[in-house]
mmCIF file of all heavy atoms, coordinates in Angstrom:
data_MODEL
# 
_entry.id   MODEL 
# 
loop_
_atom_site.group_PDB 
_atom_site.id 
_atom_site.type_symbol 
_atom_site.label_atom_id 
_atom_site.label_alt_id 
_atom_site.label_comp_id 
_atom_site.label_asym_id 
_atom_site.label_entity_id 
_atom_site.label_seq_id 
_atom_site.pdbx_PDB_ins_code 
_atom_site.Cartn_x 
_atom_site.Cartn_y 
_atom_site.Cartn_z 
_atom_site.occupancy 
_atom_site.B_iso_or_equiv 
_atom_site.pdbx_formal_charge 
_atom_site.auth_seq_id 
_atom_site.auth_comp_id 
_atom_site.auth_asym_id 
_atom_site.auth_atom_id 
_atom_site.pdbx_PDB_model_num 
ATOM 1   N N   . SER A 1 1  ? 6.189  42.280 62.234 1.00 0.00 ? 1  SER A N   1 
ATOM 2   C CA  . SER A 1 1  ? 5.199  42.856 63.150 1.00 0.00 ? 1  SER A CA  1 
ATOM 3   C C   . SER A 1 1  ? 5.908  42.985 64.504 1.00 0.00 ? 1  SER A C   1 
ATOM 4   O O   . SER A 1 1  ? 6.411  42.026 65.057 1.00 0.00 ? 1  SER A O   1 
ATOM 5   C CB  . SER A 1 1  ? 3.977  41.950 63.279 1.00 0.00 ? 1  SER A CB  1 
ATOM 6   O OG  . SER A 1 1  ? 3.328  41.814 62.038 1.00 0.00 ? 1  SER A OG  1 
ATOM 7   N N   . LEU A 1 2  ? 5.930  44.233 64.981 1.00 0.00 ? 2  LEU A N   1 
ATOM 8   C CA  . LEU A 1 2  ? 6.648  44.496 66.228 1.00 0.00 ? 2  LEU A CA  1 
ATOM 9   C C   . LEU A 1 2  ? 5.745  45.194 67.229 1.00 0.00 ? 2  LEU A C   1 
ATOM 10  O O   . LEU A 1 2  ? 4.817  45.910 66.827 1.00 0.00 ? 2  LEU A O   1 
ATOM 11  C CB  . LEU A 1 2  ? 7.883  45.394 65.979 1.00 0.00 ? 2  LEU A CB  1 
ATOM 12  C CG  . LEU A 1 2  ? 8.885  44.951 64.955 1.00 0.00 ? 2  LEU A CG  1 
ATOM 13  C CD1 . LEU A 1 2  ? 8.740  45.721 63.680 1.00 0.00 ? 2  LEU A CD1 1 
ATOM 14  C CD2 . LEU A 1 2  ? 10.269 45.124 65.464 1.00 0.00 ? 2  LEU A CD2 1 
ATOM 15  N N   . LYS A 1 3  ? 6.051  45.009 68.512 1.00 0.00 ? 3  LYS A N   1 
ATOM 16  C CA  . LYS A 1 3  ? 5.438  45.779 69.558 1.00 0.00 ? 3  LYS A CA  1 
ATOM 17  C C   . LYS A 1 3  ? 6.611  46.591 70.158 1.00 0.00 ? 3  LYS A C   1 
ATOM 18  O O   . LYS A 1 3  ? 7.555  46.002 70.661 1.00 0.00 ? 3  LYS A O   1 
ATOM 19  C CB  . LYS A 1 3  ? 4.763  44.910 70.573 1.00 0.00 ? 3  LYS A CB  1 
ATOM 20  C CG  . LYS A 1 3  ? 3.517  44.208 70.031 1.00 0.00 ? 3  LYS A CG  1 
ATOM 21  C CD  . LYS A 1 3  ? 2.708  43.567 71.153 1.00 0.00 ? 3  LYS A CD  1 
ATOM 22  C CE  . LYS A 1 3  ? 1.526  42.817 70.607 1.00 0.00 ? 3  LYS A CE  1 
ATOM 23  N NZ  . LYS A 1 3  ? 0.537  43.642 70.009 1.00 0.00 ? 3  LYS A NZ  1 
ATOM 24  N N   . LEU A 1 4  ? 6.473  47.925 70.097 1.00 0.00 ? 4  LEU A N   1 
ATOM 25  C CA  . LEU A 1 4  ? 7.531  48.778 70.547 1.00 0.00 ? 4  LEU A CA  1 
ATOM 26  C C   . LEU A 1 4  ? 7.095  49.679 71.679 1.00 0.00 ? 4  LEU A C   1 
ATOM 27  O O   . LEU A 1 4  ? 5.960  50.217 71.635 1.00 0.00 ? 4  LEU A O   1 
ATOM 28  C CB  . LEU A 1 4  ? 8.069  49.678 69.383 1.00 0.00 ? 4  LEU A CB  1 
ATOM 29  C CG  . LEU A 1 4  ? 8.500  48.969 68.121 1.00 0.00 ? 4  LEU A CG  1 
ATOM 30  C CD1 . LEU A 1 4  ? 8.925  50.008 67.073 1.00 0.00 ? 4  LEU A CD1 1 
ATOM 31  C CD2 . LEU A 1 4  ? 9.597  47.994 68.386 1.00 0.00 ? 4  LEU A CD2 1 
ATOM 32  N N   . GLU A 1 5  ? 7.956  49.890 72.657 1.00 0.00 ? 5  GLU A N   1 
ATOM 33  C CA  . GLU A 1 5  ? 7.682  50.816 73.745 1.00 0.00 ? 5  GLU A CA  1 
ATOM 34  C C   . GLU A 1 5  ? 7.561  52.199 73.159 1.00 0.00 ? 5  GLU A C   1 
ATOM 35  O O   . GLU A 1 5  ? 8.264  52.556 72.177 1.00 0.00 ? 5  GLU A O   1 
ATOM 36  C CB  . GLU A 1 5  ? 8.803  50.823 74.772 1.00 0.00 ? 5  GLU A CB  1 
ATOM 37  C CG  . GLU A 1 5  ? 8.860  49.600 75.649 1.00 0.00 ? 5  GLU A CG  1 
ATOM 38  C CD  . GLU A 1 5  ? 9.982  49.675 76.655 1.00 0.00 ? 5  GLU A CD  1 
ATOM 39  O OE1 . GLU A 1 5  ? 10.731 50.691 76.750 1.00 0.00 ? 5  GLU A OE1 1 
ATOM 40  O OE2 . GLU A 1 5  ? 10.148 48.674 77.369 1.00 0.00 ? 5  GLU A OE2 1 
ATOM 41  N N   . ASP A 1 6  ? 6.686  52.994 73.721 1.00 0.00 ? 6  ASP A N   1 
ATOM 42  C CA  . ASP A 1 6  ? 6.525  54.382 73.287 1.00 0.00 ? 6  ASP A CA  1 
ATOM 43  C C   . ASP A 1 6  ? 7.628  55.255 73.882 1.00 0.00 ? 6  ASP A C   1 
ATOM 44  O O   . ASP A 1 6  ? 7.422  56.046 74.778 1.00 0.00 ? 6  ASP A O   1 
ATOM 45  C CB  . ASP A 1 6  ? 5.127  54.911 73.695 1.00 0.00 ? 6  ASP A CB  1 
ATOM 46  C CG  . ASP A 1 6  ? 4.869  56.334 73.230 1.00 0.00 ? 6  ASP A CG  1 
ATOM 47  O OD1 . ASP A 1 6  ? 5.523  56.772 72.274 1.00 0.00 ? 6  ASP A OD1 1 
ATOM 48  O OD2 . ASP A 1 6  ? 4.031  56.990 73.845 1.00 0.00 ? 6  ASP A OD2 1 
ATOM 49  N N   . THR A 1 7  ? 8.846  55.014 73.399 1.00 0.00 ? 7  THR A N   1 
ATOM 50  C CA  . THR A 1 7  ? 10.024 55.722 73.854 1.00 0.00 ? 7  THR A CA  1 
ATOM 51  C C   . THR A 1 7  ? 10.775 56.262 72.649 1.00 0.00 ? 7  THR A C   1 
ATOM 52  O O   . THR A 1 7  ? 10.888 55.593 71.630 1.00 0.00 ? 7  THR A O   1 
ATOM 53  C CB  . THR A 1 7  ? 10.974 54.743 74.611 1.00 0.00 ? 7  THR A CB  1 
ATOM 54  O OG1 . THR A 1 7  ? 10.205 54.082 75.661 1.00 0.00 ? 7  THR A OG1 1 
ATOM 55  C CG2 . THR A 1 7  ? 12.138 55.448 75.222 1.00 0.00 ? 7  THR A CG2 1 
ATOM 56  N N   . LYS A 1 8  ? 11.266 57.483 72.778 1.00 0.00 ? 8  LYS A N   1 
ATOM 57  C CA  . LYS A 1 8  ? 11.971 58.148 71.687 1.00 0.00 ? 8  LYS A CA  1 
ATOM 58  C C   . LYS A 1 8  ? 13.126 57.289 71.206 1.00 0.00 ? 8  LYS A C   1 
ATOM 59  O O   . LYS A 1 8  ? 13.952 56.816 72.015 1.00 0.00 ? 8  LYS A O   1 
ATOM 60  C CB  . LYS A 1 8  ? 12.463 59.511 72.137 1.00 0.00 ? 8  LYS A CB  1 
ATOM 61  C CG  . LYS A 1 8  ? 13.136 60.277 71.047 1.00 0.00 ? 8  LYS A CG  1 
ATOM 62  C CD  . LYS A 1 8  ? 13.396 61.759 71.313 1.00 0.00 ? 8  LYS A CD  1 
ATOM 63  C CE  . LYS A 1 8  ? 13.899 62.159 72.647 1.00 0.00 ? 8  LYS A CE  1 
ATOM 64  N NZ  . LYS A 1 8  ? 14.315 63.554 72.752 1.00 0.00 ? 8  LYS A NZ  1 
ATOM 65  N N   . GLY A 1 9  ? 13.234 57.080 69.879 1.00 0.00 ? 9  GLY A N   1 
ATOM 66  C CA  . GLY A 1 9  ? 14.370 56.449 69.272 1.00 0.00 ? 9  GLY A CA  1 
ATOM 67  C C   . GLY A 1 9  ? 14.261 54.931 69.101 1.00 0.00 ? 9  GLY A C   1 
ATOM 68  O O   . GLY A 1 9  ? 15.132 54.344 68.461 1.00 0.00 ? 9  GLY A O   1 
ATOM 69  N N   . VAL A 1 10 ? 13.185 54.285 69.565 1.00 0.00 ? 10 VAL A N   1 
ATOM 70  C CA  . VAL A 1 10 ? 13.078 52.827 69.452 1.00 0.00 ? 10 VAL A CA  1 
ATOM 71  C C   . VAL A 1 10 ? 12.916 52.435 67.977 1.00 0.00 ? 10 VAL A C   1 
ATOM 72  O O   . VAL A 1 10 ? 13.625 51.571 67.508 1.00 0.00 ? 10 VAL A O   1 
ATOM 73  C CB  . VAL A 1 10 ? 11.926 52.281 70.321 1.00 0.00 ? 10 VAL A CB  1 
ATOM 74  C CG1 . VAL A 1 10 ? 11.781 50.791 70.115 1.00 0.00 ? 10 VAL A CG1 1 
ATOM 75  C CG2 . VAL A 1 10 ? 12.177 52.564 71.769 1.00 0.00 ? 10 VAL A CG2 1 
ATOM 76  N N   . LEU A 1 11 ? 11.973 53.074 67.284 1.00 0.00 ? 11 LEU A N   1 
ATOM 77  C CA  . LEU A 1 11 ? 11.775 52.733 65.874 1.00 0.00 ? 11 LEU A CA  1 
ATOM 78  C C   . LEU A 1 11 ? 13.041 53.014 65.066 1.00 0.00 ? 11 LEU A C   1 
ATOM 79  O O   . LEU A 1 11 ? 13.422 52.258 64.181 1.00 0.00 ? 11 LEU A O   1 
ATOM 80  C CB  . LEU A 1 11 ? 10.577 53.453 65.314 1.00 0.00 ? 11 LEU A CB  1 
ATOM 81  C CG  . LEU A 1 11 ? 10.223 53.184 63.849 1.00 0.00 ? 11 LEU A CG  1 
ATOM 82  C CD1 . LEU A 1 11 ? 10.013 51.660 63.595 1.00 0.00 ? 11 LEU A CD1 1 
ATOM 83  C CD2 . LEU A 1 11 ? 9.002  53.964 63.416 1.00 0.00 ? 11 LEU A CD2 1 
ATOM 84  N N   . SER A 1 12 ? 13.701 54.119 65.369 1.00 0.00 ? 12 SER A N   1 
ATOM 85  C CA  . SER A 1 12 ? 14.925 54.450 64.698 1.00 0.00 ? 12 SER A CA  1 
ATOM 86  C C   . SER A 1 12 ? 15.993 53.385 64.914 1.00 0.00 ? 12 SER A C   1 
ATOM 87  O O   . SER A 1 12 ? 16.733 53.014 63.986 1.00 0.00 ? 12 SER A O   1 
ATOM 88  C CB  . SER A 1 12 ? 15.446 55.815 65.168 1.00 0.00 ? 12 SER A CB  1 
ATOM 89  O OG  . SER A 1 12 ? 16.640 56.160 64.551 1.00 0.00 ? 12 SER A OG  1 
ATOM 90  N N   . ALA A 1 13 ? 16.093 52.857 66.132 1.00 0.00 ? 13 ALA A N   1 
ATOM 91  C CA  . ALA A 1 13 ? 17.066 51.805 66.442 1.00 0.00 ? 13 ALA A CA  1 
ATOM 92  C C   . ALA A 1 13 ? 16.719 50.517 65.650 1.00 0.00 ? 13 ALA A C   1 
ATOM 93  O O   . ALA A 1 13 ? 17.632 49.842 65.152 1.00 0.00 ? 13 ALA A O   1 
ATOM 94  C CB  . ALA A 1 13 ? 17.078 51.535 67.936 1.00 0.00 ? 13 ALA A CB  1 
ATOM 95  N N   . VAL A 1 14 ? 15.427 50.239 65.491 1.00 0.00 ? 14 VAL A N   1 
ATOM 96  C CA  . VAL A 1 14 ? 15.025 49.062 64.715 1.00 0.00 ? 14 VAL A CA  1 
ATOM 97  C C   . VAL A 1 14 ? 15.394 49.216 63.273 1.00 0.00 ? 14 VAL A C   1 
ATOM 98  O O   . VAL A 1 14 ? 15.998 48.321 62.682 1.00 0.00 ? 14 VAL A O   1 
ATOM 99  C CB  . VAL A 1 14 ? 13.469 48.823 64.867 1.00 0.00 ? 14 VAL A CB  1 
ATOM 100 C CG1 . VAL A 1 14 ? 13.002 47.786 63.834 1.00 0.00 ? 14 VAL A CG1 1 
ATOM 101 C CG2 . VAL A 1 14 ? 13.137 48.370 66.271 1.00 0.00 ? 14 VAL A CG2 1 
ATOM 102 N N   . THR A 1 15 ? 15.108 50.372 62.695 1.00 0.00 ? 15 THR A N   1 
ATOM 103 C CA  . THR A 1 15 ? 15.449 50.581 61.268 1.00 0.00 ? 15 THR A CA  1 
ATOM 104 C C   . THR A 1 15 ? 16.946 50.598 61.051 1.00 0.00 ? 15 THR A C   1 
ATOM 105 O O   . THR A 1 15 ? 17.436 50.168 60.015 1.00 0.00 ? 15 THR A O   1 
ATOM 106 C CB  . THR A 1 15 ? 14.782 51.862 60.687 1.00 0.00 ? 15 THR A CB  1 
ATOM 107 O OG1 . THR A 1 15 ? 15.185 52.985 61.455 1.00 0.00 ? 15 THR A OG1 1 
ATOM 108 C CG2 . THR A 1 15 ? 13.293 51.742 60.695 1.00 0.00 ? 15 THR A CG2 1 
ATOM 109 N N   . ASN A 1 16 ? 17.689 51.076 62.050 1.00 0.00 ? 16 ASN A N   1 
ATOM 110 C CA  . ASN A 1 16 ? 19.187 51.049 61.960 1.00 0.00 ? 16 ASN A CA  1 
ATOM 111 C C   . ASN A 1 16 ? 19.645 49.595 61.915 1.00 0.00 ? 16 ASN A C   1 
ATOM 112 O O   . ASN A 1 16 ? 20.550 49.275 61.145 1.00 0.00 ? 16 ASN A O   1 
ATOM 113 C CB  . ASN A 1 16 ? 19.790 51.835 63.099 1.00 0.00 ? 16 ASN A CB  1 
ATOM 114 C CG  . ASN A 1 16 ? 21.290 51.917 62.924 1.00 0.00 ? 16 ASN A CG  1 
ATOM 115 O OD1 . ASN A 1 16 ? 21.771 52.448 61.928 1.00 0.00 ? 16 ASN A OD1 1 
ATOM 116 N ND2 . ASN A 1 16 ? 22.035 51.439 63.909 1.00 0.00 ? 16 ASN A ND2 1 
ATOM 117 N N   . GLU A 1 17 ? 19.100 48.735 62.733 1.00 0.00 ? 17 GLU A N   1 
ATOM 118 C CA  . GLU A 1 17 ? 19.486 47.304 62.715 1.00 0.00 ? 17 GLU A CA  1 
ATOM 119 C C   . GLU A 1 17 ? 19.196 46.698 61.369 1.00 0.00 ? 17 GLU A C   1 
ATOM 120 O O   . GLU A 1 17 ? 19.995 45.922 60.851 1.00 0.00 ? 17 GLU A O   1 
ATOM 121 C CB  . GLU A 1 17 ? 18.762 46.535 63.822 1.00 0.00 ? 17 GLU A CB  1 
ATOM 122 C CG  . GLU A 1 17 ? 19.318 46.686 65.198 1.00 0.00 ? 17 GLU A CG  1 
ATOM 123 C CD  . GLU A 1 17 ? 20.693 46.116 65.380 1.00 0.00 ? 17 GLU A CD  1 
ATOM 124 O OE1 . GLU A 1 17 ? 21.046 45.107 64.749 1.00 0.00 ? 17 GLU A OE1 1 
ATOM 125 O OE2 . GLU A 1 17 ? 21.450 46.734 66.141 1.00 0.00 ? 17 GLU A OE2 1 
ATOM 126 N N   . LEU A 1 18 ? 18.011 47.061 60.793 1.00 0.00 ? 18 LEU A N   1 
ATOM 127 C CA  . LEU A 1 18 ? 17.682 46.522 59.472 1.00 0.00 ? 18 LEU A CA  1 
ATOM 128 C C   . LEU A 1 18 ? 18.702 46.971 58.424 1.00 0.00 ? 18 LEU A C   1 
ATOM 129 O O   . LEU A 1 18 ? 19.138 46.236 57.580 1.00 0.00 ? 18 LEU A O   1 
ATOM 130 C CB  . LEU A 1 18 ? 16.261 46.916 59.103 1.00 0.00 ? 18 LEU A CB  1 
ATOM 131 C CG  . LEU A 1 18 ? 15.154 46.336 59.974 1.00 0.00 ? 18 LEU A CG  1 
ATOM 132 C CD1 . LEU A 1 18 ? 13.822 46.957 59.655 1.00 0.00 ? 18 LEU A CD1 1 
ATOM 133 C CD2 . LEU A 1 18 ? 15.098 44.834 59.858 1.00 0.00 ? 18 LEU A CD2 1 
ATOM 134 N N   . PHE A 1 19 ? 19.032 48.252 58.502 1.00 0.00 ? 19 PHE A N   1 
ATOM 135 C CA  . PHE A 1 19 ? 20.055 48.799 57.588 1.00 0.00 ? 19 PHE A CA  1 
ATOM 136 C C   . PHE A 1 19 ? 21.380 48.070 57.742 1.00 0.00 ? 19 PHE A C   1 
ATOM 137 O O   . PHE A 1 19 ? 22.021 47.666 56.732 1.00 0.00 ? 19 PHE A O   1 
ATOM 138 C CB  . PHE A 1 19 ? 20.253 50.302 57.854 1.00 0.00 ? 19 PHE A CB  1 
ATOM 139 C CG  . PHE A 1 19 ? 21.432 50.869 57.166 1.00 0.00 ? 19 PHE A CG  1 
ATOM 140 C CD1 . PHE A 1 19 ? 21.427 51.126 55.788 1.00 0.00 ? 19 PHE A CD1 1 
ATOM 141 C CD2 . PHE A 1 19 ? 22.611 51.144 57.882 1.00 0.00 ? 19 PHE A CD2 1 
ATOM 142 C CE1 . PHE A 1 19 ? 22.553 51.676 55.159 1.00 0.00 ? 19 PHE A CE1 1 
ATOM 143 C CE2 . PHE A 1 19 ? 23.722 51.653 57.253 1.00 0.00 ? 19 PHE A CE2 1 
ATOM 144 C CZ  . PHE A 1 19 ? 23.689 51.923 55.875 1.00 0.00 ? 19 PHE A CZ  1 
ATOM 145 N N   . MET A 1 20 ? 21.789 47.811 58.983 1.00 0.00 ? 20 MET A N   1 
ATOM 146 C CA  . MET A 1 20 ? 23.074 47.151 59.244 1.00 0.00 ? 20 MET A CA  1 
ATOM 147 C C   . MET A 1 20 ? 23.167 45.743 58.697 1.00 0.00 ? 20 MET A C   1 
ATOM 148 O O   . MET A 1 20 ? 24.252 45.284 58.356 1.00 0.00 ? 20 MET A O   1 
ATOM 149 C CB  . MET A 1 20 ? 23.375 47.153 60.754 1.00 0.00 ? 20 MET A CB  1 
ATOM 150 C CG  . MET A 1 20 ? 23.510 48.546 61.355 1.00 0.00 ? 20 MET A CG  1 
ATOM 151 S SD  . MET A 1 20 ? 24.831 49.509 60.626 1.00 0.00 ? 20 MET A SD  1 
ATOM 152 C CE  . MET A 1 20 ? 26.250 48.714 61.321 1.00 0.00 ? 20 MET A CE  1 
ATOM 153 N N   . VAL A 1 21 ? 22.033 45.035 58.561 1.00 0.00 ? 21 VAL A N   1 
ATOM 154 C CA  . VAL A 1 21 ? 22.049 43.697 58.029 1.00 0.00 ? 21 VAL A CA  1 
ATOM 155 C C   . VAL A 1 21 ? 21.664 43.627 56.551 1.00 0.00 ? 21 VAL A C   1 
ATOM 156 O O   . VAL A 1 21 ? 21.577 42.530 55.985 1.00 0.00 ? 21 VAL A O   1 
ATOM 157 C CB  . VAL A 1 21 ? 21.132 42.717 58.860 1.00 0.00 ? 21 VAL A CB  1 
ATOM 158 C CG1 . VAL A 1 21 ? 21.631 42.661 60.304 1.00 0.00 ? 21 VAL A CG1 1 
ATOM 159 C CG2 . VAL A 1 21 ? 19.660 43.107 58.727 1.00 0.00 ? 21 VAL A CG2 1 
ATOM 160 N N   . GLY A 1 22 ? 21.481 44.787 55.948 1.00 0.00 ? 22 GLY A N   1 
ATOM 161 C CA  . GLY A 1 22 ? 21.243 44.818 54.515 1.00 0.00 ? 22 GLY A CA  1 
ATOM 162 C C   . GLY A 1 22 ? 19.764 44.719 54.089 1.00 0.00 ? 22 GLY A C   1 
ATOM 163 O O   . GLY A 1 22 ? 19.475 44.548 52.881 1.00 0.00 ? 22 GLY A O   1 
ATOM 164 N N   . ALA A 1 23 ? 18.833 44.834 55.033 1.00 0.00 ? 23 ALA A N   1 
ATOM 165 C CA  . ALA A 1 23 ? 17.422 44.840 54.653 1.00 0.00 ? 23 ALA A CA  1 
ATOM 166 C C   . ALA A 1 23 ? 17.052 46.232 54.144 1.00 0.00 ? 23 ALA A C   1 
ATOM 167 O O   . ALA A 1 23 ? 17.598 47.227 54.600 1.00 0.00 ? 23 ALA A O   1 
ATOM 168 C CB  . ALA A 1 23 ? 16.558 44.477 55.870 1.00 0.00 ? 23 ALA A CB  1 
ATOM 169 N N   . ASN A 1 24 ? 16.140 46.291 53.179 1.00 0.00 ? 24 ASN A N   1 
ATOM 170 C CA  . ASN A 1 24 ? 15.681 47.575 52.604 1.00 0.00 ? 24 ASN A CA  1 
ATOM 171 C C   . ASN A 1 24 ? 14.228 47.762 53.032 1.00 0.00 ? 24 ASN A C   1 
ATOM 172 O O   . ASN A 1 24 ? 13.356 47.055 52.552 1.00 0.00 ? 24 ASN A O   1 
ATOM 173 C CB  . ASN A 1 24 ? 15.832 47.514 51.081 1.00 0.00 ? 24 ASN A CB  1 
ATOM 174 C CG  . ASN A 1 24 ? 15.397 48.797 50.460 1.00 0.00 ? 24 ASN A CG  1 
ATOM 175 O OD1 . ASN A 1 24 ? 15.403 49.850 51.051 1.00 0.00 ? 24 ASN A OD1 1 
ATOM 176 N ND2 . ASN A 1 24 ? 15.054 48.727 49.165 1.00 0.00 ? 24 ASN A ND2 1 
ATOM 177 N N   . VAL A 1 25 ? 13.966 48.759 53.860 1.00 0.00 ? 25 VAL A N   1 
ATOM 178 C CA  . VAL A 1 25 ? 12.613 49.040 54.360 1.00 0.00 ? 25 VAL A CA  1 
ATOM 179 C C   . VAL A 1 25 ? 11.811 49.696 53.215 1.00 0.00 ? 25 VAL A C   1 
ATOM 180 O O   . VAL A 1 25 ? 12.232 50.696 52.675 1.00 0.00 ? 25 VAL A O   1 
ATOM 181 C CB  . VAL A 1 25 ? 12.651 49.935 55.594 1.00 0.00 ? 25 VAL A CB  1 
ATOM 182 C CG1 . VAL A 1 25 ? 11.227 50.273 56.038 1.00 0.00 ? 25 VAL A CG1 1 
ATOM 183 C CG2 . VAL A 1 25 ? 13.387 49.220 56.719 1.00 0.00 ? 25 VAL A CG2 1 
ATOM 184 N N   . LEU A 1 26 ? 10.682 49.097 52.905 1.00 0.00 ? 26 LEU A N   1 
ATOM 185 C CA  . LEU A 1 26 ? 9.796  49.587 51.856 1.00 0.00 ? 26 LEU A CA  1 
ATOM 186 C C   . LEU A 1 26 ? 8.616  50.402 52.377 1.00 0.00 ? 26 LEU A C   1 
ATOM 187 O O   . LEU A 1 26 ? 8.189  51.370 51.785 1.00 0.00 ? 26 LEU A O   1 
ATOM 188 C CB  . LEU A 1 26 ? 9.278  48.432 51.016 1.00 0.00 ? 26 LEU A CB  1 
ATOM 189 C CG  . LEU A 1 26 ? 10.361 47.546 50.366 1.00 0.00 ? 26 LEU A CG  1 
ATOM 190 C CD1 . LEU A 1 26 ? 9.747  46.320 49.721 1.00 0.00 ? 26 LEU A CD1 1 
ATOM 191 C CD2 . LEU A 1 26 ? 11.175 48.345 49.361 1.00 0.00 ? 26 LEU A CD2 1 
ATOM 192 N N   . SER A 1 27 ? 8.090  49.965 53.570 1.00 0.00 ? 27 SER A N   1 
ATOM 193 C CA  . SER A 1 27 ? 7.001  50.730 54.152 1.00 0.00 ? 27 SER A CA  1 
ATOM 194 C C   . SER A 1 27 ? 6.983  50.489 55.668 1.00 0.00 ? 27 SER A C   1 
ATOM 195 O O   . SER A 1 27 ? 7.408  49.445 56.172 1.00 0.00 ? 27 SER A O   1 
ATOM 196 C CB  . SER A 1 27 ? 5.653  50.300 53.556 1.00 0.00 ? 27 SER A CB  1 
ATOM 197 O OG  . SER A 1 27 ? 5.293  49.012 53.942 1.00 0.00 ? 27 SER A OG  1 
ATOM 198 N N   . ILE A 1 28 ? 6.458  51.484 56.345 1.00 0.00 ? 28 ILE A N   1 
ATOM 199 C CA  . ILE A 1 28 ? 6.303  51.432 57.838 1.00 0.00 ? 28 ILE A CA  1 
ATOM 200 C C   . ILE A 1 28 ? 4.885  51.877 58.163 1.00 0.00 ? 28 ILE A C   1 
ATOM 201 O O   . ILE A 1 28 ? 4.444  52.918 57.679 1.00 0.00 ? 28 ILE A O   1 
ATOM 202 C CB  . ILE A 1 28 ? 7.330  52.322 58.549 1.00 0.00 ? 28 ILE A CB  1 
ATOM 203 C CG1 . ILE A 1 28 ? 8.744  51.910 58.234 1.00 0.00 ? 28 ILE A CG1 1 
ATOM 204 C CG2 . ILE A 1 28 ? 7.056  52.287 60.071 1.00 0.00 ? 28 ILE A CG2 1 
ATOM 205 C CD1 . ILE A 1 28 ? 9.804  52.865 58.790 1.00 0.00 ? 28 ILE A CD1 1 
ATOM 206 N N   . ASN A 1 29 ? 4.209  51.098 58.971 1.00 0.00 ? 29 ASN A N   1 
ATOM 207 C CA  . ASN A 1 29 ? 2.875  51.467 59.442 1.00 0.00 ? 29 ASN A CA  1 
ATOM 208 C C   . ASN A 1 29 ? 2.910  51.352 60.972 1.00 0.00 ? 29 ASN A C   1 
ATOM 209 O O   . ASN A 1 29 ? 3.103  50.276 61.496 1.00 0.00 ? 29 ASN A O   1 
ATOM 210 C CB  . ASN A 1 29 ? 1.811  50.574 58.837 1.00 0.00 ? 29 ASN A CB  1 
ATOM 211 C CG  . ASN A 1 29 ? 0.413  50.995 59.240 1.00 0.00 ? 29 ASN A CG  1 
ATOM 212 O OD1 . ASN A 1 29 ? 0.208  52.114 59.717 1.00 0.00 ? 29 ASN A OD1 1 
ATOM 213 N ND2 . ASN A 1 29 ? -0.514 50.079 59.097 1.00 0.00 ? 29 ASN A ND2 1 
ATOM 214 N N   . GLN A 1 30 ? 2.675  52.462 61.642 1.00 0.00 ? 30 GLN A N   1 
ATOM 215 C CA  . GLN A 1 30 ? 2.729  52.485 63.102 1.00 0.00 ? 30 GLN A CA  1 
ATOM 216 C C   . GLN A 1 30 ? 1.377  52.984 63.636 1.00 0.00 ? 30 GLN A C   1 
ATOM 217 O O   . GLN A 1 30 ? 0.892  54.032 63.262 1.00 0.00 ? 30 GLN A O   1 
ATOM 218 C CB  . GLN A 1 30 ? 3.843  53.400 63.621 1.00 0.00 ? 30 GLN A CB  1 
ATOM 219 C CG  . GLN A 1 30 ? 3.914  53.438 65.113 1.00 0.00 ? 30 GLN A CG  1 
ATOM 220 C CD  . GLN A 1 30 ? 5.106  54.251 65.627 1.00 0.00 ? 30 GLN A CD  1 
ATOM 221 O OE1 . GLN A 1 30 ? 6.003  54.571 64.853 1.00 0.00 ? 30 GLN A OE1 1 
ATOM 222 N NE2 . GLN A 1 30 ? 5.093  54.550 66.911 1.00 0.00 ? 30 GLN A NE2 1 
# 
């Protein structure tokens, strides 16, 4: 559960971090 600033690219940066550590994103609800 995250609170993200309404700024372009923030969610993308989060999912990139998850990818970099080997997590597999199954669903996103914003």
